[in-house]
Amino acid sequence: MNWDRIEGNWKQMTGNVKAQWGKLTDDDLTEISGRREVLEGKIQERYGLAKDEVKRQVDTFTSTLN
């Protein structure tokens, strides 16, 4: 699934995102509001991961949504 579709359906996607990255709070999900860059930043912040690892995880996540 491409990111434009995820962004457009963000409210429906929050459950999937929360299942994948459980440390993200509801406030985080509201702030992210479908923006990939903000999602990646929040994942880095909550999990202490490197930027390239976060990008890989998000890419994997989006590919599993198809």
PDB file of N, CA and C in Angstrom:
ATOM      1  N   MET A   1       0.863  -1.175   0.000  1.00  0.00           N
ATOM      2  CA  MET A   1       0.000   0.000   0.000  1.00  0.00           C
ATOM      3  C   MET A   1       0.903   1.229   0.000  1.00  0.00           C
ATOM      4  N   ASN A   2       0.575   2.196  -0.842  1.00  0.00           N
ATOM      5  CA  ASN A   2       1.412   3.383  -0.864  1.00  0.00           C
ATOM      6  C   ASN A   2       1.037   4.327   0.276  1.00  0.00           C
ATOM      7  N   TRP A   3       1.963   5.205   0.591  1.00  0.00           N
ATOM      8  CA  TRP A   3       1.780   6.049   1.774  1.00  0.00           C
ATOM      9  C   TRP A   3       0.628   7.032   1.613  1.00  0.00           C
ATOM     10  N   ASP A   4       0.331   7.468   0.415  1.00  0.00           N
ATOM     11  CA  ASP A   4      -0.805   8.379   0.210  1.00  0.00           C
ATOM     12  C   ASP A   4      -2.114   7.739   0.673  1.00  0.00           C
ATOM     13  N   ARG A   5      -2.277   6.462   0.410  1.00  0.00           N
ATOM     14  CA  ARG A   5      -3.489   5.755   0.855  1.00  0.00           C
ATOM     15  C   ARG A   5      -3.511   5.608   2.371  1.00  0.00           C
ATOM     16  N   ILE A   6      -2.356   5.333   2.951  1.00  0.00           N
ATOM     17  CA  ILE A   6      -2.279   5.226   4.412  1.00  0.00           C
ATOM     18  C   ILE A   6      -2.629   6.564   5.042  1.00  0.00           C
ATOM     19  N   GLU A   7      -2.058   7.623   4.506  1.00  0.00           N
ATOM     20  CA  GLU A   7      -2.323   8.966   5.036  1.00  0.00           C
ATOM     21  C   GLU A   7      -3.805   9.314   4.920  1.00  0.00           C
ATOM     22  N   GLY A   8      -4.415   8.968   3.806  1.00  0.00           N
ATOM     23  CA  GLY A   8      -5.819   9.265   3.588  1.00  0.00           C
ATOM     24  C   GLY A   8      -6.743   8.464   4.493  1.00  0.00           C
ATOM     25  N   ASN A   9      -6.298   7.284   4.911  1.00  0.00           N
ATOM     26  CA  ASN A   9      -7.096   6.405   5.780  1.00  0.00           C
ATOM     27  C   ASN A   9      -6.479   6.287   7.173  1.00  0.00           C
ATOM     28  N   TRP A  10      -5.831   7.344   7.623  1.00  0.00           N
ATOM     29  CA  TRP A  10      -5.064   7.282   8.864  1.00  0.00           C
ATOM     30  C   TRP A  10      -5.885   6.799  10.056  1.00  0.00           C
ATOM     31  N   LYS A  11      -7.093   7.299  10.215  1.00  0.00           N
ATOM     32  CA  LYS A  11      -7.903   6.904  11.371  1.00  0.00           C
ATOM     33  C   LYS A  11      -8.146   5.404  11.393  1.00  0.00           C
ATOM     34  N   GLN A  12      -8.344   4.801  10.226  1.00  0.00           N
ATOM     35  CA  GLN A  12      -8.543   3.363  10.158  1.00  0.00           C
ATOM     36  C   GLN A  12      -7.224   2.606  10.365  1.00  0.00           C
ATOM     37  N   MET A  13      -6.110   3.232  10.037  1.00  0.00           N
ATOM     38  CA  MET A  13      -4.806   2.587  10.120  1.00  0.00           C
ATOM     39  C   MET A  13      -4.203   2.614  11.515  1.00  0.00           C
ATOM     40  N   THR A  14      -4.706   3.473  12.378  1.00  0.00           N
ATOM     41  CA  THR A  14      -4.067   3.629  13.690  1.00  0.00           C
ATOM     42  C   THR A  14      -4.029   2.317  14.472  1.00  0.00           C
ATOM     43  N   GLY A  15      -5.039   1.481  14.318  1.00  0.00           N
ATOM     44  CA  GLY A  15      -5.023   0.186  15.003  1.00  0.00           C
ATOM     45  C   GLY A  15      -3.871  -0.691  14.546  1.00  0.00           C
ATOM     46  N   ASN A  16      -3.625  -0.715  13.240  1.00  0.00           N
ATOM     47  CA  ASN A  16      -2.502  -1.486  12.692  1.00  0.00           C
ATOM     48  C   ASN A  16      -1.167  -0.932  13.181  1.00  0.00           C
ATOM     49  N   VAL A  17      -1.074   0.393  13.195  1.00  0.00           N
ATOM     50  CA  VAL A  17       0.165   1.043  13.635  1.00  0.00           C
ATOM     51  C   VAL A  17       0.395   0.742  15.112  1.00  0.00           C
ATOM     52  N   LYS A  18      -0.645   0.846  15.909  1.00  0.00           N
ATOM     53  CA  LYS A  18      -0.532   0.592  17.352  1.00  0.00           C
ATOM     54  C   LYS A  18      -0.167  -0.877  17.614  1.00  0.00           C
ATOM     55  N   ALA A  19      -0.702  -1.796  16.804  1.00  0.00           N
ATOM     56  CA  ALA A  19      -0.357  -3.206  16.957  1.00  0.00           C
ATOM     57  C   ALA A  19       1.124  -3.450  16.642  1.00  0.00           C
ATOM     58  N   GLN A  20       1.645  -2.731  15.661  1.00  0.00           N
ATOM     59  CA  GLN A  20       3.047  -2.890  15.261  1.00  0.00           C
ATOM     60  C   GLN A  20       3.994  -2.212  16.244  1.00  0.00           C
ATOM     61  N   TRP A  21       3.652  -1.010  16.670  1.00  0.00           N
ATOM     62  CA  TRP A  21       4.506  -0.230  17.557  1.00  0.00           C
ATOM     63  C   TRP A  21       3.687   0.189  18.784  1.00  0.00           C
ATOM     64  N   GLY A  22       3.562  -0.719  19.720  1.00  0.00           N
ATOM     65  CA  GLY A  22       2.702  -0.537  20.880  1.00  0.00           C
ATOM     66  C   GLY A  22       3.103   0.578  21.825  1.00  0.00           C
ATOM     67  N   LYS A  23       4.338   1.041  21.739  1.00  0.00           N
ATOM     68  CA  LYS A  23       4.769   2.127  22.619  1.00  0.00           C
ATOM     69  C   LYS A  23       4.250   3.491  22.172  1.00  0.00           C
ATOM     70  N   LEU A  24       3.701   3.565  20.972  1.00  0.00           N
ATOM     71  CA  LEU A  24       3.135   4.832  20.507  1.00  0.00           C
ATOM     72  C   LEU A  24       1.813   5.071  21.222  1.00  0.00           C
ATOM     73  N   THR A  25       1.644   6.259  21.734  1.00  0.00           N
ATOM     74  CA  THR A  25       0.422   6.590  22.464  1.00  0.00           C
ATOM     75  C   THR A  25      -0.653   7.091  21.505  1.00  0.00           C
ATOM     76  N   ASP A  26      -1.868   7.182  22.010  1.00  0.00           N
ATOM     77  CA  ASP A  26      -2.948   7.754  21.203  1.00  0.00           C
ATOM     78  C   ASP A  26      -2.630   9.196  20.825  1.00  0.00           C
ATOM     79  N   ASP A  27      -2.008   9.935  21.743  1.00  0.00           N
ATOM     80  CA  ASP A  27      -1.602  11.308  21.432  1.00  0.00           C
ATOM     81  C   ASP A  27      -0.572  11.332  20.310  1.00  0.00           C
ATOM     82  N   ASP A  28       0.364  10.378  20.328  1.00  0.00           N
ATOM     83  CA  ASP A  28       1.350  10.272  19.246  1.00  0.00           C
ATOM     84  C   ASP A  28       0.647  10.056  17.916  1.00  0.00           C
ATOM     85  N   LEU A  29      -0.302   9.124  17.899  1.00  0.00           N
ATOM     86  CA  LEU A  29      -1.009   8.801  16.660  1.00  0.00           C
ATOM     87  C   LEU A  29      -1.791  10.001  16.141  1.00  0.00           C
ATOM     88  N   THR A  30      -2.363  10.770  17.049  1.00  0.00           N
ATOM     89  CA  THR A  30      -3.072  11.988  16.644  1.00  0.00           C
ATOM     90  C   THR A  30      -2.093  12.995  16.060  1.00  0.00           C
ATOM     91  N   GLU A  31      -0.952  13.155  16.706  1.00  0.00           N
ATOM     92  CA  GLU A  31       0.058  14.102  16.218  1.00  0.00           C
ATOM     93  C   GLU A  31       0.626  13.667  14.869  1.00  0.00           C
ATOM     94  N   ILE A  32       0.838  12.374  14.690  1.00  0.00           N
ATOM     95  CA  ILE A  32       1.390  11.847  13.436  1.00  0.00           C
ATOM     96  C   ILE A  32       0.460  12.164  12.277  1.00  0.00           C
ATOM     97  N   SER A  33      -0.821  11.949  12.486  1.00  0.00           N
ATOM     98  CA  SER A  33      -1.850  12.311  11.512  1.00  0.00           C
ATOM     99  C   SER A  33      -1.529  11.857  10.089  1.00  0.00           C
ATOM    100  N   GLY A  34      -0.937  10.656   9.982  1.00  0.00           N
ATOM    101  CA  GLY A  34      -0.666  10.090   8.666  1.00  0.00           C
ATOM    102  C   GLY A  34       0.627  10.522   8.011  1.00  0.00           C
ATOM    103  N   ARG A  35       1.393  11.360   8.665  1.00  0.00           N
ATOM    104  CA  ARG A  35       2.658  11.835   8.068  1.00  0.00           C
ATOM    105  C   ARG A  35       3.784  10.860   8.386  1.00  0.00           C
ATOM    106  N   ARG A  36       4.345  10.286   7.355  1.00  0.00           N
ATOM    107  CA  ARG A  36       5.376   9.254   7.510  1.00  0.00           C
ATOM    108  C   ARG A  36       6.590   9.760   8.285  1.00  0.00           C
ATOM    109  N   GLU A  37       7.040  10.961   7.991  1.00  0.00           N
ATOM    110  CA  GLU A  37       8.237  11.489   8.650  1.00  0.00           C
ATOM    111  C   GLU A  37       8.021  11.605  10.156  1.00  0.00           C
ATOM    112  N   VAL A  38       6.828  12.028  10.538  1.00  0.00           N
ATOM    113  CA  VAL A  38       6.519  12.176  11.958  1.00  0.00           C
ATOM    114  C   VAL A  38       6.422  10.798  12.608  1.00  0.00           C
ATOM    115  N   LEU A  39       5.809   9.843  11.907  1.00  0.00           N
ATOM    116  CA  LEU A  39       5.741   8.467  12.415  1.00  0.00           C
ATOM    117  C   LEU A  39       7.142   7.924  12.661  1.00  0.00           C
ATOM    118  N   GLU A  40       8.017   8.076  11.688  1.00  0.00           N
ATOM    119  CA  GLU A  40       9.387   7.577  11.828  1.00  0.00           C
ATOM    120  C   GLU A  40      10.088   8.242  13.005  1.00  0.00           C
ATOM    121  N   GLY A  41       9.896   9.534  13.171  1.00  0.00           N
ATOM    122  CA  GLY A  41      10.505  10.248  14.295  1.00  0.00           C
ATOM    123  C   GLY A  41       9.992   9.748  15.636  1.00  0.00           C
ATOM    124  N   LYS A  42       8.687   9.503  15.722  1.00  0.00           N
ATOM    125  CA  LYS A  42       8.102   9.006  16.978  1.00  0.00           C
ATOM    126  C   LYS A  42       8.601   7.599  17.287  1.00  0.00           C
ATOM    127  N   ILE A  43       8.737   6.764  16.270  1.00  0.00           N
ATOM    128  CA  ILE A  43       9.256   5.410  16.494  1.00  0.00           C
ATOM    129  C   ILE A  43      10.696   5.497  16.989  1.00  0.00           C
ATOM    130  N   GLN A  44      11.495   6.356  16.370  1.00  0.00           N
ATOM    131  CA  GLN A  44      12.879   6.540  16.823  1.00  0.00           C
ATOM    132  C   GLN A  44      12.900   6.974  18.287  1.00  0.00           C
ATOM    133  N   GLU A  45      12.061   7.920  18.622  1.00  0.00           N
ATOM    134  CA  GLU A  45      12.012   8.475  19.969  1.00  0.00           C
ATOM    135  C   GLU A  45      11.603   7.411  20.996  1.00  0.00           C
ATOM    136  N   ARG A  46      10.549   6.658  20.692  1.00  0.00           N
ATOM    137  CA  ARG A  46      10.010   5.685  21.651  1.00  0.00           C
ATOM    138  C   ARG A  46      10.868   4.431  21.778  1.00  0.00           C
ATOM    139  N   TYR A  47      11.485   4.008  20.683  1.00  0.00           N
ATOM    140  CA  TYR A  47      12.217   2.743  20.679  1.00  0.00           C
ATOM    141  C   TYR A  47      13.733   2.902  20.662  1.00  0.00           C
ATOM    142  N   GLY A  48      14.237   4.105  20.444  1.00  0.00           N
ATOM    143  CA  GLY A  48      15.677   4.328  20.430  1.00  0.00           C
ATOM    144  C   GLY A  48      16.389   3.636  19.281  1.00  0.00           C
ATOM    145  N   LEU A  49      15.726   3.573  18.132  1.00  0.00           N
ATOM    146  CA  LEU A  49      16.291   2.911  16.956  1.00  0.00           C
ATOM    147  C   LEU A  49      16.957   3.917  16.023  1.00  0.00           C
ATOM    148  N   ALA A  50      17.871   3.399  15.209  1.00  0.00           N
ATOM    149  CA  ALA A  50      18.527   4.226  14.196  1.00  0.00           C
ATOM    150  C   ALA A  50      17.535   4.543  13.084  1.00  0.00           C
ATOM    151  N   LYS A  51      17.781   5.666  12.422  1.00  0.00           N
ATOM    152  CA  LYS A  51      16.888   6.138  11.369  1.00  0.00           C
ATOM    153  C   LYS A  51      16.713   5.106  10.255  1.00  0.00           C
ATOM    154  N   ASP A  52      17.795   4.462   9.836  1.00  0.00           N
ATOM    155  CA  ASP A  52      17.695   3.479   8.747  1.00  0.00           C
ATOM    156  C   ASP A  52      16.899   2.248   9.173  1.00  0.00           C
ATOM    157  N   GLU A  53      17.000   1.853  10.431  1.00  0.00           N
ATOM    158  CA  GLU A  53      16.214   0.722  10.932  1.00  0.00           C
ATOM    159  C   GLU A  53      14.726   1.067  10.970  1.00  0.00           C
ATOM    160  N   VAL A  54      14.413   2.282  11.394  1.00  0.00           N
ATOM    161  CA  VAL A  54      13.015   2.718  11.436  1.00  0.00           C
ATOM    162  C   VAL A  54      12.444   2.755  10.026  1.00  0.00           C
ATOM    163  N   LYS A  55      13.208   3.284   9.076  1.00  0.00           N
ATOM    164  CA  LYS A  55      12.740   3.345   7.692  1.00  0.00           C
ATOM    165  C   LYS A  55      12.467   1.928   7.174  1.00  0.00           C
ATOM    166  N   ARG A  56      13.338   0.982   7.485  1.00  0.00           N
ATOM    167  CA  ARG A  56      13.156  -0.397   7.062  1.00  0.00           C
ATOM    168  C   ARG A  56      11.879  -0.987   7.670  1.00  0.00           C
ATOM    169  N   GLN A  57      11.660  -0.735   8.960  1.00  0.00           N
ATOM    170  CA  GLN A  57      10.462  -1.253   9.617  1.00  0.00           C
ATOM    171  C   GLN A  57       9.188  -0.677   9.001  1.00  0.00           C
ATOM    172  N   VAL A  58       9.198   0.627   8.728  1.00  0.00           N
ATOM    173  CA  VAL A  58       8.010   1.258   8.142  1.00  0.00           C
ATOM    174  C   VAL A  58       7.785   0.738   6.723  1.00  0.00           C
ATOM    175  N   ASP A  59       8.853   0.560   5.957  1.00  0.00           N
ATOM    176  CA  ASP A  59       8.721  -0.009   4.611  1.00  0.00           C
ATOM    177  C   ASP A  59       8.125  -1.415   4.677  1.00  0.00           C
ATOM    178  N   THR A  60       8.600  -2.236   5.604  1.00  0.00           N
ATOM    179  CA  THR A  60       8.067  -3.580   5.776  1.00  0.00           C
ATOM    180  C   THR A  60       6.596  -3.534   6.176  1.00  0.00           C
ATOM    181  N   PHE A  61       6.266  -2.643   7.093  1.00  0.00           N
ATOM    182  CA  PHE A  61       4.889  -2.484   7.542  1.00  0.00           C
ATOM    183  C   PHE A  61       3.978  -2.127   6.384  1.00  0.00           C
ATOM    184  N   THR A  62       4.368  -1.163   5.568  1.00  0.00           N
ATOM    185  CA  THR A  62       3.513  -0.744   4.458  1.00  0.00           C
ATOM    186  C   THR A  62       3.367  -1.854   3.418  1.00  0.00           C
ATOM    187  N   SER A  63       4.419  -2.655   3.227  1.00  0.00           N
ATOM    188  CA  SER A  63       4.326  -3.734   2.239  1.00  0.00           C
ATOM    189  C   SER A  63       3.392  -4.842   2.712  1.00  0.00           C
ATOM    190  N   THR A  64       3.233  -5.014   4.013  1.00  0.00           N
ATOM    191  CA  THR A  64       2.349  -6.067   4.525  1.00  0.00           C
ATOM    192  C   THR A  64       0.881  -5.647   4.479  1.00  0.00           C
ATOM    193  N   LEU A  65       0.593  -4.392   4.225  1.00  0.00           N
ATOM    194  CA  LEU A  65      -0.770  -3.909   4.194  1.00  0.00           C
ATOM    195  C   LEU A  65      -1.468  -4.196   2.860  1.00  0.00           C
ATOM    196  N   ASN A  66      -0.733  -4.609   1.869  1.00  0.00           N
ATOM    197  CA  ASN A  66      -1.328  -4.864   0.542  1.00  0.00           C
ATOM    198  C   ASN A  66      -2.243  -6.051   0.544  1.00  0.00           C
TER     199      ASN A  66
END
